[in-house]
């Protein structure tokens, strides 16, 4: 995140929803404000915000944006049953 922008807040909310829906209790989420931690941004080579970096399991995966397309975000992050959230299934 780069400050508390609406887009950054939406990304965090969308990510929490995905994790709680698909891997409840099996994730760790750390939110880093790029403006406050430029060292981490440089170390992780973050070029745009908001960016999600999945560290484990390997391979590392990155997703940029507000994460509002839950199915696409879940697939990009390699979450199990990454089609859609249970509430969106027909």
PDB file of N, CA and C in Angstrom:
ATOM      1  N   UNK A   1       0.837  -1.174   0.000  1.00  0.00           N
ATOM      2  CA  UNK A   1       0.000   0.000   0.000  1.00  0.00           C
ATOM      3  C   UNK A   1       0.878   1.232   0.000  1.00  0.00           C
ATOM      4  N   UNK A   2       0.329   2.294  -0.533  1.00  0.00           N
ATOM      5  CA  UNK A   2       0.998   3.583  -0.473  1.00  0.00           C
ATOM      6  C   UNK A   2       0.024   4.544   0.186  1.00  0.00           C
ATOM      7  N   UNK A   3       0.021   4.550   1.503  1.00  0.00           N
ATOM      8  CA  UNK A   3      -0.952   5.357   2.230  1.00  0.00           C
ATOM      9  C   UNK A   3      -2.286   4.652   2.297  1.00  0.00           C
ATOM     10  N   UNK A   4      -3.243   5.280   2.919  1.00  0.00           N
ATOM     11  CA  UNK A   4      -4.568   4.694   3.095  1.00  0.00           C
ATOM     12  C   UNK A   4      -5.511   5.154   1.984  1.00  0.00           C
ATOM     13  N   UNK A   5      -5.188   4.831   0.733  1.00  0.00           N
ATOM     14  CA  UNK A   5      -6.043   5.190  -0.379  1.00  0.00           C
ATOM     15  C   UNK A   5      -7.238   4.254  -0.439  1.00  0.00           C
ATOM     16  N   UNK A   6      -8.262   4.687  -1.140  1.00  0.00           N
ATOM     17  CA  UNK A   6      -9.461   3.863  -1.296  1.00  0.00           C
ATOM     18  C   UNK A   6      -9.117   2.552  -2.006  1.00  0.00           C
ATOM     19  N   UNK A   7      -8.259   2.626  -3.002  1.00  0.00           N
ATOM     20  CA  UNK A   7      -7.859   1.432  -3.754  1.00  0.00           C
ATOM     21  C   UNK A   7      -7.089   0.454  -2.863  1.00  0.00           C
ATOM     22  N   UNK A   8      -6.209   0.983  -2.030  1.00  0.00           N
ATOM     23  CA  UNK A   8      -5.438   0.126  -1.127  1.00  0.00           C
ATOM     24  C   UNK A   8      -6.341  -0.530  -0.093  1.00  0.00           C
ATOM     25  N   UNK A   9      -7.271   0.229   0.445  1.00  0.00           N
ATOM     26  CA  UNK A   9      -8.199  -0.326   1.423  1.00  0.00           C
ATOM     27  C   UNK A   9      -9.080  -1.399   0.788  1.00  0.00           C
ATOM     28  N   UNK A  10      -9.494  -1.174  -0.463  1.00  0.00           N
ATOM     29  CA  UNK A  10     -10.298  -2.177  -1.169  1.00  0.00           C
ATOM     30  C   UNK A  10      -9.486  -3.448  -1.383  1.00  0.00           C
ATOM     31  N   UNK A  11      -8.220  -3.312  -1.731  1.00  0.00           N
ATOM     32  CA  UNK A  11      -7.365  -4.480  -1.956  1.00  0.00           C
ATOM     33  C   UNK A  11      -7.234  -5.308  -0.681  1.00  0.00           C
ATOM     34  N   UNK A  12      -7.026  -4.652   0.446  1.00  0.00           N
ATOM     35  CA  UNK A  12      -6.890  -5.370   1.715  1.00  0.00           C
ATOM     36  C   UNK A  12      -8.198  -6.076   2.060  1.00  0.00           C
ATOM     37  N   UNK A  13      -9.318  -5.385   1.898  1.00  0.00           N
ATOM     38  CA  UNK A  13     -10.616  -5.994   2.198  1.00  0.00           C
ATOM     39  C   UNK A  13     -10.879  -7.190   1.287  1.00  0.00           C
ATOM     40  N   UNK A  14     -10.594  -7.049   0.003  1.00  0.00           N
ATOM     41  CA  UNK A  14     -10.793  -8.153  -0.940  1.00  0.00           C
ATOM     42  C   UNK A  14      -9.887  -9.330  -0.623  1.00  0.00           C
ATOM     43  N   UNK A  15      -8.651  -9.061  -0.264  1.00  0.00           N
ATOM     44  CA  UNK A  15      -7.720 -10.138   0.068  1.00  0.00           C
ATOM     45  C   UNK A  15      -8.152 -10.873   1.335  1.00  0.00           C
ATOM     46  N   UNK A  16      -8.572 -10.132   2.352  1.00  0.00           N
ATOM     47  CA  UNK A  16      -9.059 -10.776   3.582  1.00  0.00           C
ATOM     48  C   UNK A  16     -10.269 -11.664   3.288  1.00  0.00           C
ATOM     49  N   UNK A  17     -11.189 -11.166   2.473  1.00  0.00           N
ATOM     50  CA  UNK A  17     -12.374 -11.944   2.106  1.00  0.00           C
ATOM     51  C   UNK A  17     -11.982 -13.236   1.395  1.00  0.00           C
ATOM     52  N   UNK A  18     -11.075 -13.130   0.431  1.00  0.00           N
ATOM     53  CA  UNK A  18     -10.604 -14.322  -0.277  1.00  0.00           C
ATOM     54  C   UNK A  18      -9.973 -15.330   0.669  1.00  0.00           C
ATOM     55  N   UNK A  19      -9.060 -14.850   1.499  1.00  0.00           N
ATOM     56  CA  UNK A  19      -8.351 -15.758   2.412  1.00  0.00           C
ATOM     57  C   UNK A  19      -9.305 -16.411   3.394  1.00  0.00           C
ATOM     58  N   UNK A  20     -10.208 -15.651   3.957  1.00  0.00           N
ATOM     59  CA  UNK A  20     -11.159 -16.216   4.922  1.00  0.00           C
ATOM     60  C   UNK A  20     -12.112 -17.193   4.254  1.00  0.00           C
ATOM     61  N   UNK A  21     -12.434 -16.964   2.995  1.00  0.00           N
ATOM     62  CA  UNK A  21     -13.355 -17.845   2.281  1.00  0.00           C
ATOM     63  C   UNK A  21     -12.686 -19.117   1.795  1.00  0.00           C
ATOM     64  N   UNK A  22     -11.412 -19.025   1.390  1.00  0.00           N
ATOM     65  CA  UNK A  22     -10.765 -20.151   0.722  1.00  0.00           C
ATOM     66  C   UNK A  22      -9.733 -20.887   1.573  1.00  0.00           C
ATOM     67  N   UNK A  23      -9.089 -20.193   2.486  1.00  0.00           N
ATOM     68  CA  UNK A  23      -8.073 -20.836   3.327  1.00  0.00           C
ATOM     69  C   UNK A  23      -8.177 -20.317   4.770  1.00  0.00           C
ATOM     70  N   UNK A  24      -9.373 -20.395   5.364  1.00  0.00           N
ATOM     71  CA  UNK A  24      -9.560 -19.827   6.701  1.00  0.00           C
ATOM     72  C   UNK A  24      -8.588 -20.416   7.717  1.00  0.00           C
ATOM     73  N   UNK A  25      -7.921 -19.527   8.426  1.00  0.00           N
ATOM     74  CA  UNK A  25      -6.995 -19.947   9.463  1.00  0.00           C
ATOM     75  C   UNK A  25      -5.654 -20.459   8.963  1.00  0.00           C
ATOM     76  N   UNK A  26      -5.447 -20.469   7.644  1.00  0.00           N
ATOM     77  CA  UNK A  26      -4.210 -21.017   7.075  1.00  0.00           C
ATOM     78  C   UNK A  26      -3.446 -19.970   6.266  1.00  0.00           C
ATOM     79  N   UNK A  27      -3.452 -18.755   6.745  1.00  0.00           N
ATOM     80  CA  UNK A  27      -2.728 -17.701   6.052  1.00  0.00           C
ATOM     81  C   UNK A  27      -2.239 -16.673   7.063  1.00  0.00           C
ATOM     82  N   UNK A  28      -1.235 -15.946   6.652  1.00  0.00           N
ATOM     83  CA  UNK A  28      -0.713 -14.830   7.440  1.00  0.00           C
ATOM     84  C   UNK A  28      -0.658 -13.641   6.494  1.00  0.00           C
ATOM     85  N   UNK A  29      -1.236 -12.536   6.923  1.00  0.00           N
ATOM     86  CA  UNK A  29      -1.306 -11.344   6.088  1.00  0.00           C
ATOM     87  C   UNK A  29      -0.567 -10.214   6.775  1.00  0.00           C
ATOM     88  N   UNK A  30       0.383  -9.625   6.075  1.00  0.00           N
ATOM     89  CA  UNK A  30       1.110  -8.470   6.590  1.00  0.00           C
ATOM     90  C   UNK A  30       0.932  -7.341   5.593  1.00  0.00           C
ATOM     91  N   UNK A  31       0.391  -6.216   6.059  1.00  0.00           N
ATOM     92  CA  UNK A  31       0.182  -5.052   5.205  1.00  0.00           C
ATOM     93  C   UNK A  31       1.313  -4.071   5.467  1.00  0.00           C
ATOM     94  N   UNK A  32       1.988  -3.687   4.400  1.00  0.00           N
ATOM     95  CA  UNK A  32       3.112  -2.763   4.509  1.00  0.00           C
ATOM     96  C   UNK A  32       2.791  -1.515   3.705  1.00  0.00           C
ATOM     97  N   UNK A  33       2.878  -0.360   4.343  1.00  0.00           N
ATOM     98  CA  UNK A  33       2.653   0.910   3.673  1.00  0.00           C
ATOM     99  C   UNK A  33       3.936   1.311   2.968  1.00  0.00           C
ATOM    100  N   UNK A  34       3.877   1.387   1.648  1.00  0.00           N
ATOM    101  CA  UNK A  34       5.067   1.692   0.845  1.00  0.00           C
ATOM    102  C   UNK A  34       5.668   3.046   1.198  1.00  0.00           C
ATOM    103  N   UNK A  35       4.833   3.991   1.579  1.00  0.00           N
ATOM    104  CA  UNK A  35       5.338   5.321   1.936  1.00  0.00           C
ATOM    105  C   UNK A  35       6.130   5.283   3.242  1.00  0.00           C
ATOM    106  N   UNK A  36       5.739   4.391   4.140  1.00  0.00           N
ATOM    107  CA  UNK A  36       6.421   4.282   5.431  1.00  0.00           C
ATOM    108  C   UNK A  36       7.600   3.311   5.397  1.00  0.00           C
ATOM    109  N   UNK A  37       7.624   2.380   4.454  1.00  0.00           N
ATOM    110  CA  UNK A  37       8.666   1.347   4.407  1.00  0.00           C
ATOM    111  C   UNK A  37       9.290   1.241   3.019  1.00  0.00           C
ATOM    112  N   UNK A  38       9.909   2.302   2.522  1.00  0.00           N
ATOM    113  CA  UNK A  38      10.520   2.245   1.187  1.00  0.00           C
ATOM    114  C   UNK A  38      11.616   1.189   1.086  1.00  0.00           C
ATOM    115  N   UNK A  39      12.217   0.812   2.211  1.00  0.00           N
ATOM    116  CA  UNK A  39      13.243  -0.235   2.201  1.00  0.00           C
ATOM    117  C   UNK A  39      12.668  -1.571   1.755  1.00  0.00           C
ATOM    118  N   UNK A  40      11.475  -1.896   2.238  1.00  0.00           N
ATOM    119  CA  UNK A  40      10.818  -3.147   1.862  1.00  0.00           C
ATOM    120  C   UNK A  40      10.405  -3.092   0.390  1.00  0.00           C
ATOM    121  N   UNK A  41       9.902  -1.947  -0.038  1.00  0.00           N
ATOM    122  CA  UNK A  41       9.491  -1.765  -1.431  1.00  0.00           C
ATOM    123  C   UNK A  41      10.682  -2.018  -2.360  1.00  0.00           C
ATOM    124  N   UNK A  42      11.823  -1.450  -2.018  1.00  0.00           N
ATOM    125  CA  UNK A  42      13.024  -1.642  -2.838  1.00  0.00           C
ATOM    126  C   UNK A  42      13.491  -3.089  -2.797  1.00  0.00           C
ATOM    127  N   UNK A  43      13.510  -3.673  -1.614  1.00  0.00           N
ATOM    128  CA  UNK A  43      13.970  -5.062  -1.455  1.00  0.00           C
ATOM    129  C   UNK A  43      13.097  -6.042  -2.223  1.00  0.00           C
ATOM    130  N   UNK A  44      11.786  -5.832  -2.192  1.00  0.00           N
ATOM    131  CA  UNK A  44      10.837  -6.731  -2.863  1.00  0.00           C
ATOM    132  C   UNK A  44      10.583  -6.328  -4.314  1.00  0.00           C
ATOM    133  N   UNK A  45      11.212  -5.249  -4.749  1.00  0.00           N
ATOM    134  CA  UNK A  45      11.064  -4.749  -6.123  1.00  0.00           C
ATOM    135  C   UNK A  45       9.602  -4.495  -6.486  1.00  0.00           C
ATOM    136  N   UNK A  46       8.908  -3.780  -5.594  1.00  0.00           N
ATOM    137  CA  UNK A  46       7.520  -3.398  -5.828  1.00  0.00           C
ATOM    138  C   UNK A  46       7.516  -2.189  -6.751  1.00  0.00           C
ATOM    139  N   UNK A  47       6.847  -2.300  -7.896  1.00  0.00           N
ATOM    140  CA  UNK A  47       6.818  -1.222  -8.875  1.00  0.00           C
ATOM    141  C   UNK A  47       5.501  -0.468  -8.898  1.00  0.00           C
ATOM    142  N   UNK A  48       4.442  -1.066  -8.366  1.00  0.00           N
ATOM    143  CA  UNK A  48       3.124  -0.443  -8.353  1.00  0.00           C
ATOM    144  C   UNK A  48       2.413  -0.852  -7.074  1.00  0.00           C
ATOM    145  N   UNK A  49       1.469  -0.023  -6.642  1.00  0.00           N
ATOM    146  CA  UNK A  49       0.688  -0.353  -5.451  1.00  0.00           C
ATOM    147  C   UNK A  49      -0.791  -0.231  -5.778  1.00  0.00           C
ATOM    148  N   UNK A  50      -1.627  -1.013  -5.108  1.00  0.00           N
ATOM    149  CA  UNK A  50      -1.279  -2.080  -4.178  1.00  0.00           C
ATOM    150  C   UNK A  50      -0.773  -3.326  -4.896  1.00  0.00           C
ATOM    151  N   UNK A  51       0.195  -3.983  -4.281  1.00  0.00           N
ATOM    152  CA  UNK A  51       0.753  -5.242  -4.767  1.00  0.00           C
ATOM    153  C   UNK A  51       0.671  -6.276  -3.657  1.00  0.00           C
ATOM    154  N   UNK A  52       0.206  -7.465  -3.996  1.00  0.00           N
ATOM    155  CA  UNK A  52       0.198  -8.596  -3.067  1.00  0.00           C
ATOM    156  C   UNK A  52       1.338  -9.516  -3.473  1.00  0.00           C
ATOM    157  N   UNK A  53       2.139  -9.908  -2.498  1.00  0.00           N
ATOM    158  CA  UNK A  53       3.222 -10.853  -2.736  1.00  0.00           C
ATOM    159  C   UNK A  53       2.936 -12.090  -1.890  1.00  0.00           C
ATOM    160  N   UNK A  54       2.678 -13.213  -2.545  1.00  0.00           N
ATOM    161  CA  UNK A  54       2.496 -14.478  -1.825  1.00  0.00           C
ATOM    162  C   UNK A  54       3.873 -15.116  -1.708  1.00  0.00           C
ATOM    163  N   UNK A  55       4.330 -15.287  -0.481  1.00  0.00           N
ATOM    164  CA  UNK A  55       5.673 -15.809  -0.247  1.00  0.00           C
ATOM    165  C   UNK A  55       5.719 -17.322  -0.163  1.00  0.00           C
ATOM    166  N   UNK A  56       4.670 -17.932   0.360  1.00  0.00           N
ATOM    167  CA  UNK A  56       4.664 -19.389   0.523  1.00  0.00           C
ATOM    168  C   UNK A  56       3.260 -19.895   0.261  1.00  0.00           C
ATOM    169  N   UNK A  57       3.132 -21.073  -0.249  1.00  0.00           N
ATOM    170  CA  UNK A  57       4.215 -21.948  -0.687  1.00  0.00           C
ATOM    171  C   UNK A  57       4.840 -21.415  -1.976  1.00  0.00           C
ATOM    172  N   UNK A  58       6.075 -21.851  -2.221  1.00  0.00           N
ATOM    173  CA  UNK A  58       6.766 -21.459  -3.444  1.00  0.00           C
ATOM    174  C   UNK A  58       6.055 -22.075  -4.639  1.00  0.00           C
ATOM    175  N   UNK A  59       6.073 -21.482  -5.798  1.00  0.00           N
ATOM    176  CA  UNK A  59       6.815 -20.289  -6.148  1.00  0.00           C
ATOM    177  C   UNK A  59       6.100 -19.023  -5.672  1.00  0.00           C
ATOM    178  N   UNK A  60       6.885 -17.981  -5.460  1.00  0.00           N
ATOM    179  CA  UNK A  60       6.336 -16.686  -5.070  1.00  0.00           C
ATOM    180  C   UNK A  60       5.428 -16.187  -6.197  1.00  0.00           C
ATOM    181  N   UNK A  61       4.331 -15.537  -5.811  1.00  0.00           N
ATOM    182  CA  UNK A  61       3.394 -14.977  -6.796  1.00  0.00           C
ATOM    183  C   UNK A  61       3.067 -13.544  -6.420  1.00  0.00           C
ATOM    184  N   UNK A  62       2.794 -12.708  -7.436  1.00  0.00           N
ATOM    185  CA  UNK A  62       2.464 -11.306  -7.224  1.00  0.00           C
ATOM    186  C   UNK A  62       1.210 -10.943  -7.996  1.00  0.00           C
ATOM    187  N   UNK A  63       0.385 -10.103  -7.375  1.00  0.00           N
ATOM    188  CA  UNK A  63      -0.820  -9.596  -8.007  1.00  0.00           C
ATOM    189  C   UNK A  63      -0.898  -8.105  -7.696  1.00  0.00           C
ATOM    190  N   UNK A  64      -1.203  -7.314  -8.710  1.00  0.00           N
ATOM    191  CA  UNK A  64      -1.286  -5.863  -8.555  1.00  0.00           C
ATOM    192  C   UNK A  64      -2.731  -5.432  -8.788  1.00  0.00           C
ATOM    193  N   UNK A  65      -3.223  -4.505  -7.967  1.00  0.00           N
ATOM    194  CA  UNK A  65      -4.550  -3.927  -8.170  1.00  0.00           C
ATOM    195  C   UNK A  65      -5.419  -4.054  -6.939  1.00  0.00           C
ATOM    196  N   UNK A  66      -6.708  -3.750  -7.107  1.00  0.00           N
ATOM    197  CA  UNK A  66      -7.622  -3.752  -5.958  1.00  0.00           C
ATOM    198  C   UNK A  66      -8.189  -5.136  -5.652  1.00  0.00           C
ATOM    199  N   UNK A  67      -7.865  -6.135  -6.482  1.00  0.00           N
ATOM    200  CA  UNK A  67      -8.239  -7.538  -6.263  1.00  0.00           C
ATOM    201  C   UNK A  67      -9.741  -7.767  -6.296  1.00  0.00           C
ATOM    202  N   UNK A  68     -10.475  -6.910  -6.999  1.00  0.00           N
ATOM    203  CA  UNK A  68     -11.930  -7.007  -7.004  1.00  0.00           C
ATOM    204  C   UNK A  68     -12.455  -8.183  -7.828  1.00  0.00           C
ATOM    205  N   UNK A  69     -11.686  -8.699  -8.755  1.00  0.00           N
ATOM    206  CA  UNK A  69     -12.083  -9.889  -9.506  1.00  0.00           C
ATOM    207  C   UNK A  69     -11.593 -11.093  -8.710  1.00  0.00           C
ATOM    208  N   UNK A  70     -12.458 -11.588  -7.834  1.00  0.00           N
ATOM    209  CA  UNK A  70     -12.059 -12.617  -6.868  1.00  0.00           C
ATOM    210  C   UNK A  70     -11.574 -13.904  -7.523  1.00  0.00           C
ATOM    211  N   UNK A  71     -12.247 -14.345  -8.560  1.00  0.00           N
ATOM    212  CA  UNK A  71     -11.839 -15.576  -9.232  1.00  0.00           C
ATOM    213  C   UNK A  71     -10.460 -15.441  -9.847  1.00  0.00           C
ATOM    214  N   UNK A  72     -10.234 -14.347 -10.517  1.00  0.00           N
ATOM    215  CA  UNK A  72      -8.935 -14.107 -11.159  1.00  0.00           C
ATOM    216  C   UNK A  72      -7.830 -13.940 -10.116  1.00  0.00           C
ATOM    217  N   UNK A  73      -8.134 -13.224  -9.037  1.00  0.00           N
ATOM    218  CA  UNK A  73      -7.153 -13.017  -7.973  1.00  0.00           C
ATOM    219  C   UNK A  73      -6.789 -14.341  -7.319  1.00  0.00           C
ATOM    220  N   UNK A  74      -7.793 -15.151  -7.012  1.00  0.00           N
ATOM    221  CA  UNK A  74      -7.542 -16.447  -6.378  1.00  0.00           C
ATOM    222  C   UNK A  74      -6.692 -17.327  -7.278  1.00  0.00           C
ATOM    223  N   UNK A  75      -6.987 -17.336  -8.568  1.00  0.00           N
ATOM    224  CA  UNK A  75      -6.199 -18.136  -9.512  1.00  0.00           C
ATOM    225  C   UNK A  75      -4.770 -17.610  -9.588  1.00  0.00           C
ATOM    226  N   UNK A  76      -4.607 -16.301  -9.656  1.00  0.00           N
ATOM    227  CA  UNK A  76      -3.269 -15.704  -9.750  1.00  0.00           C
ATOM    228  C   UNK A  76      -2.431 -16.000  -8.514  1.00  0.00           C
ATOM    229  N   UNK A  77      -3.091 -16.064  -7.358  1.00  0.00           N
ATOM    230  CA  UNK A  77      -2.375 -16.355  -6.115  1.00  0.00           C
ATOM    231  C   UNK A  77      -2.229 -17.853  -5.857  1.00  0.00           C
ATOM    232  N   UNK A  78      -2.849 -18.668  -6.703  1.00  0.00           N
ATOM    233  CA  UNK A  78      -2.743 -20.112  -6.540  1.00  0.00           C
ATOM    234  C   UNK A  78      -3.539 -20.645  -5.370  1.00  0.00           C
ATOM    235  N   UNK A  79      -4.632 -19.978  -5.041  1.00  0.00           N
ATOM    236  CA  UNK A  79      -5.475 -20.449  -3.947  1.00  0.00           C
ATOM    237  C   UNK A  79      -6.263 -21.667  -4.399  1.00  0.00           C
ATOM    238  N   UNK A  80      -6.565 -22.565  -3.475  1.00  0.00           N
ATOM    239  CA  UNK A  80      -7.311 -23.774  -3.853  1.00  0.00           C
ATOM    240  C   UNK A  80      -8.701 -23.423  -4.360  1.00  0.00           C
ATOM    241  N   UNK A  81      -9.188 -24.225  -5.298  1.00  0.00           N
ATOM    242  CA  UNK A  81     -10.504 -24.001  -5.889  1.00  0.00           C
ATOM    243  C   UNK A  81     -10.656 -22.544  -6.273  1.00  0.00           C
ATOM    244  N   UNK A  82      -9.775 -22.099  -7.140  1.00  0.00           N
ATOM    245  CA  UNK A  82      -9.657 -20.682  -7.467  1.00  0.00           C
ATOM    246  C   UNK A  82     -10.691 -20.174  -8.464  1.00  0.00           C
ATOM    247  N   UNK A  83     -11.749 -20.938  -8.723  1.00  0.00           N
ATOM    248  CA  UNK A  83     -12.741 -20.474  -9.684  1.00  0.00           C
ATOM    249  C   UNK A  83     -13.403 -19.191  -9.201  1.00  0.00           C
ATOM    250  N   UNK A  84     -14.131 -19.279  -8.089  1.00  0.00           N
ATOM    251  CA  UNK A  84     -14.832 -18.144  -7.512  1.00  0.00           C
ATOM    252  C   UNK A  84     -15.042 -18.401  -6.034  1.00  0.00           C
ATOM    253  N   UNK A  85     -15.443 -17.382  -5.315  1.00  0.00           N
ATOM    254  CA  UNK A  85     -15.784 -17.553  -3.903  1.00  0.00           C
ATOM    255  C   UNK A  85     -17.024 -18.431  -3.779  1.00  0.00           C
ATOM    256  N   UNK A  86     -17.140 -19.160  -2.668  1.00  0.00           N
ATOM    257  CA  UNK A  86     -18.327 -20.013  -2.487  1.00  0.00           C
ATOM    258  C   UNK A  86     -19.632 -19.241  -2.664  1.00  0.00           C
ATOM    259  N   UNK A  87     -19.694 -18.005  -2.220  1.00  0.00           N
ATOM    260  CA  UNK A  87     -20.921 -17.215  -2.327  1.00  0.00           C
ATOM    261  C   UNK A  87     -21.226 -16.839  -3.774  1.00  0.00           C
ATOM    262  N   UNK A  88     -20.232 -16.937  -4.668  1.00  0.00           N
ATOM    263  CA  UNK A  88     -20.441 -16.580  -6.065  1.00  0.00           C
ATOM    264  C   UNK A  88     -20.720 -17.809  -6.944  1.00  0.00           C
ATOM    265  N   UNK A  89     -20.610 -19.009  -6.388  1.00  0.00           N
ATOM    266  CA  UNK A  89     -20.854 -20.241  -7.145  1.00  0.00           C
ATOM    267  C   UNK A  89     -22.339 -20.387  -7.427  1.00  0.00           C
ATOM    268  N   UNK A  90     -22.639 -20.963  -8.557  1.00  0.00           N
ATOM    269  CA  UNK A  90     -24.065 -21.147  -8.928  1.00  0.00           C
ATOM    270  C   UNK A  90     -24.465 -22.577  -8.824  1.00  0.00           C
TER     271      UNK A  90
END
